[in-house]
Amino acid sequence: MKKKRAMPSYYGKNILQHAQRKFFKRKALEANQEKLRERPVTAAEQAEKK
């Protein structure tokens, strides 16, 4: 019977970093949507930004 080998530590690090990136991206998106709900941006304000 083959012995299971341990997963290299850098695999776990990459998995963790990817999960953190997804988490923070989702949190930022939720915060941005919350801001838009509180105060919708008008078309004139969007034109000024550009």
N, C-alpha and C. Protein backbone atom coordinates (compact mmCIF):
# COMPACT_ATOMS: atom_id res chain seq x y z
N MET A 1 0.85 -1.18 0.00
CA MET A 1 0.00 0.00 0.00
C MET A 1 0.89 1.24 0.00
N LYS A 2 0.53 2.21 -0.87
CA LYS A 2 1.32 3.43 -0.96
C LYS A 2 1.07 4.35 0.23
N LYS A 3 2.16 4.95 0.69
CA LYS A 3 2.06 5.88 1.81
C LYS A 3 1.68 7.26 1.26
N LYS A 4 0.71 7.92 1.91
CA LYS A 4 0.32 9.26 1.47
C LYS A 4 1.41 10.25 1.84
N ARG A 5 1.75 11.10 0.91
CA ARG A 5 2.77 12.11 1.16
C ARG A 5 2.11 13.41 1.60
N ALA A 6 2.78 14.12 2.46
CA ALA A 6 2.26 15.39 2.95
C ALA A 6 2.29 16.42 1.82
N MET A 7 1.32 17.30 1.85
CA MET A 7 1.26 18.36 0.85
C MET A 7 2.35 19.39 1.16
N PRO A 8 3.09 19.83 0.16
CA PRO A 8 4.14 20.83 0.41
C PRO A 8 3.55 22.09 1.04
N SER A 9 4.31 22.74 1.89
CA SER A 9 3.79 23.88 2.65
C SER A 9 3.41 25.05 1.73
N TYR A 10 4.13 25.20 0.62
CA TYR A 10 3.82 26.33 -0.25
C TYR A 10 2.46 26.17 -0.94
N TYR A 11 1.96 24.95 -1.08
CA TYR A 11 0.62 24.74 -1.64
C TYR A 11 -0.41 25.35 -0.70
N GLY A 12 -0.27 25.06 0.57
CA GLY A 12 -1.20 25.59 1.57
C GLY A 12 -1.15 27.11 1.61
N LYS A 13 0.06 27.66 1.46
CA LYS A 13 0.22 29.11 1.48
C LYS A 13 -0.52 29.73 0.29
N ASN A 14 -0.36 29.13 -0.90
CA ASN A 14 -1.03 29.65 -2.09
C ASN A 14 -2.54 29.56 -1.96
N ILE A 15 -3.02 28.47 -1.41
CA ILE A 15 -4.46 28.28 -1.23
C ILE A 15 -4.98 29.34 -0.26
N LEU A 16 -4.25 29.58 0.81
CA LEU A 16 -4.65 30.58 1.80
C LEU A 16 -4.65 31.97 1.20
N GLN A 17 -3.61 32.33 0.45
CA GLN A 17 -3.54 33.66 -0.17
C GLN A 17 -4.69 33.86 -1.16
N HIS A 18 -5.01 32.82 -1.93
CA HIS A 18 -6.10 32.92 -2.89
C HIS A 18 -7.43 33.13 -2.18
N ALA A 19 -7.65 32.40 -1.09
CA ALA A 19 -8.88 32.54 -0.32
C ALA A 19 -8.99 33.94 0.28
N GLN A 20 -7.87 34.46 0.80
CA GLN A 20 -7.89 35.80 1.37
C GLN A 20 -8.19 36.84 0.30
N ARG A 21 -7.59 36.69 -0.88
CA ARG A 21 -7.81 37.63 -1.98
C ARG A 21 -9.28 37.65 -2.36
N LYS A 22 -9.89 36.45 -2.49
CA LYS A 22 -11.31 36.37 -2.83
C LYS A 22 -12.17 37.01 -1.75
N PHE A 23 -11.81 36.76 -0.48
CA PHE A 23 -12.57 37.30 0.64
C PHE A 23 -12.55 38.82 0.64
N PHE A 24 -11.36 39.41 0.51
CA PHE A 24 -11.24 40.86 0.55
C PHE A 24 -11.87 41.51 -0.68
N LYS A 25 -11.79 40.84 -1.82
CA LYS A 25 -12.41 41.37 -3.03
C LYS A 25 -13.93 41.41 -2.85
N ARG A 26 -14.48 40.34 -2.25
CA ARG A 26 -15.92 40.28 -2.01
C ARG A 26 -16.35 41.34 -1.01
N LYS A 27 -15.56 41.53 0.05
CA LYS A 27 -15.88 42.53 1.07
C LYS A 27 -15.86 43.94 0.47
N ALA A 28 -14.87 44.21 -0.38
CA ALA A 28 -14.77 45.52 -1.02
C ALA A 28 -15.97 45.75 -1.95
N LEU A 29 -16.36 44.72 -2.67
CA LEU A 29 -17.50 44.82 -3.57
C LEU A 29 -18.78 45.09 -2.78
N GLU A 30 -18.95 44.39 -1.66
CA GLU A 30 -20.14 44.59 -0.82
C GLU A 30 -20.16 46.01 -0.26
N ALA A 31 -19.02 46.51 0.17
CA ALA A 31 -18.94 47.86 0.73
C ALA A 31 -19.27 48.89 -0.35
N ASN A 32 -18.78 48.65 -1.56
CA ASN A 32 -19.05 49.57 -2.67
C ASN A 32 -20.54 49.58 -3.01
N GLN A 33 -21.16 48.40 -3.01
CA GLN A 33 -22.59 48.32 -3.30
C GLN A 33 -23.39 49.02 -2.21
N GLU A 34 -22.94 48.91 -0.97
CA GLU A 34 -23.62 49.57 0.15
C GLU A 34 -23.56 51.08 -0.02
N LYS A 35 -22.40 51.60 -0.43
CA LYS A 35 -22.26 53.04 -0.68
C LYS A 35 -23.22 53.50 -1.76
N LEU A 36 -23.31 52.70 -2.84
CA LEU A 36 -24.18 53.06 -3.95
C LEU A 36 -25.65 53.06 -3.53
N ARG A 37 -26.02 52.16 -2.63
CA ARG A 37 -27.39 52.11 -2.15
C ARG A 37 -27.71 53.36 -1.32
N GLU A 38 -26.73 53.80 -0.53
CA GLU A 38 -26.96 54.97 0.33
C GLU A 38 -27.10 56.24 -0.50
N ARG A 39 -26.24 56.40 -1.51
CA ARG A 39 -26.24 57.63 -2.31
C ARG A 39 -25.95 57.28 -3.76
N PRO A 40 -27.02 57.11 -4.57
CA PRO A 40 -26.78 56.78 -5.98
C PRO A 40 -26.07 57.91 -6.72
N VAL A 41 -25.17 57.55 -7.61
CA VAL A 41 -24.41 58.53 -8.39
C VAL A 41 -25.22 58.91 -9.62
N THR A 42 -25.37 60.20 -9.86
CA THR A 42 -26.13 60.66 -11.02
C THR A 42 -25.26 60.60 -12.27
N ALA A 43 -25.89 60.70 -13.42
CA ALA A 43 -25.16 60.66 -14.70
C ALA A 43 -24.22 61.84 -14.82
N ALA A 44 -24.63 63.02 -14.29
CA ALA A 44 -23.78 64.22 -14.37
C ALA A 44 -22.50 64.03 -13.55
N GLU A 45 -22.62 63.39 -12.39
CA GLU A 45 -21.43 63.15 -11.53
C GLU A 45 -20.48 62.15 -12.20
N GLN A 46 -21.03 61.16 -12.89
CA GLN A 46 -20.18 60.19 -13.57
C GLN A 46 -19.41 60.87 -14.71
N ALA A 47 -20.04 61.81 -15.41
CA ALA A 47 -19.39 62.52 -16.50
C ALA A 47 -18.24 63.38 -15.97
N GLU A 48 -18.42 63.93 -14.77
CA GLU A 48 -17.37 64.76 -14.16
C GLU A 48 -16.13 63.94 -13.81
N LYS A 49 -16.34 62.70 -13.41
CA LYS A 49 -15.22 61.83 -13.03
C LYS A 49 -14.32 61.53 -14.22
N LYS A 50 -14.90 61.41 -15.39
CA LYS A 50 -14.14 61.06 -16.59
C LYS A 50 -13.44 62.27 -17.09
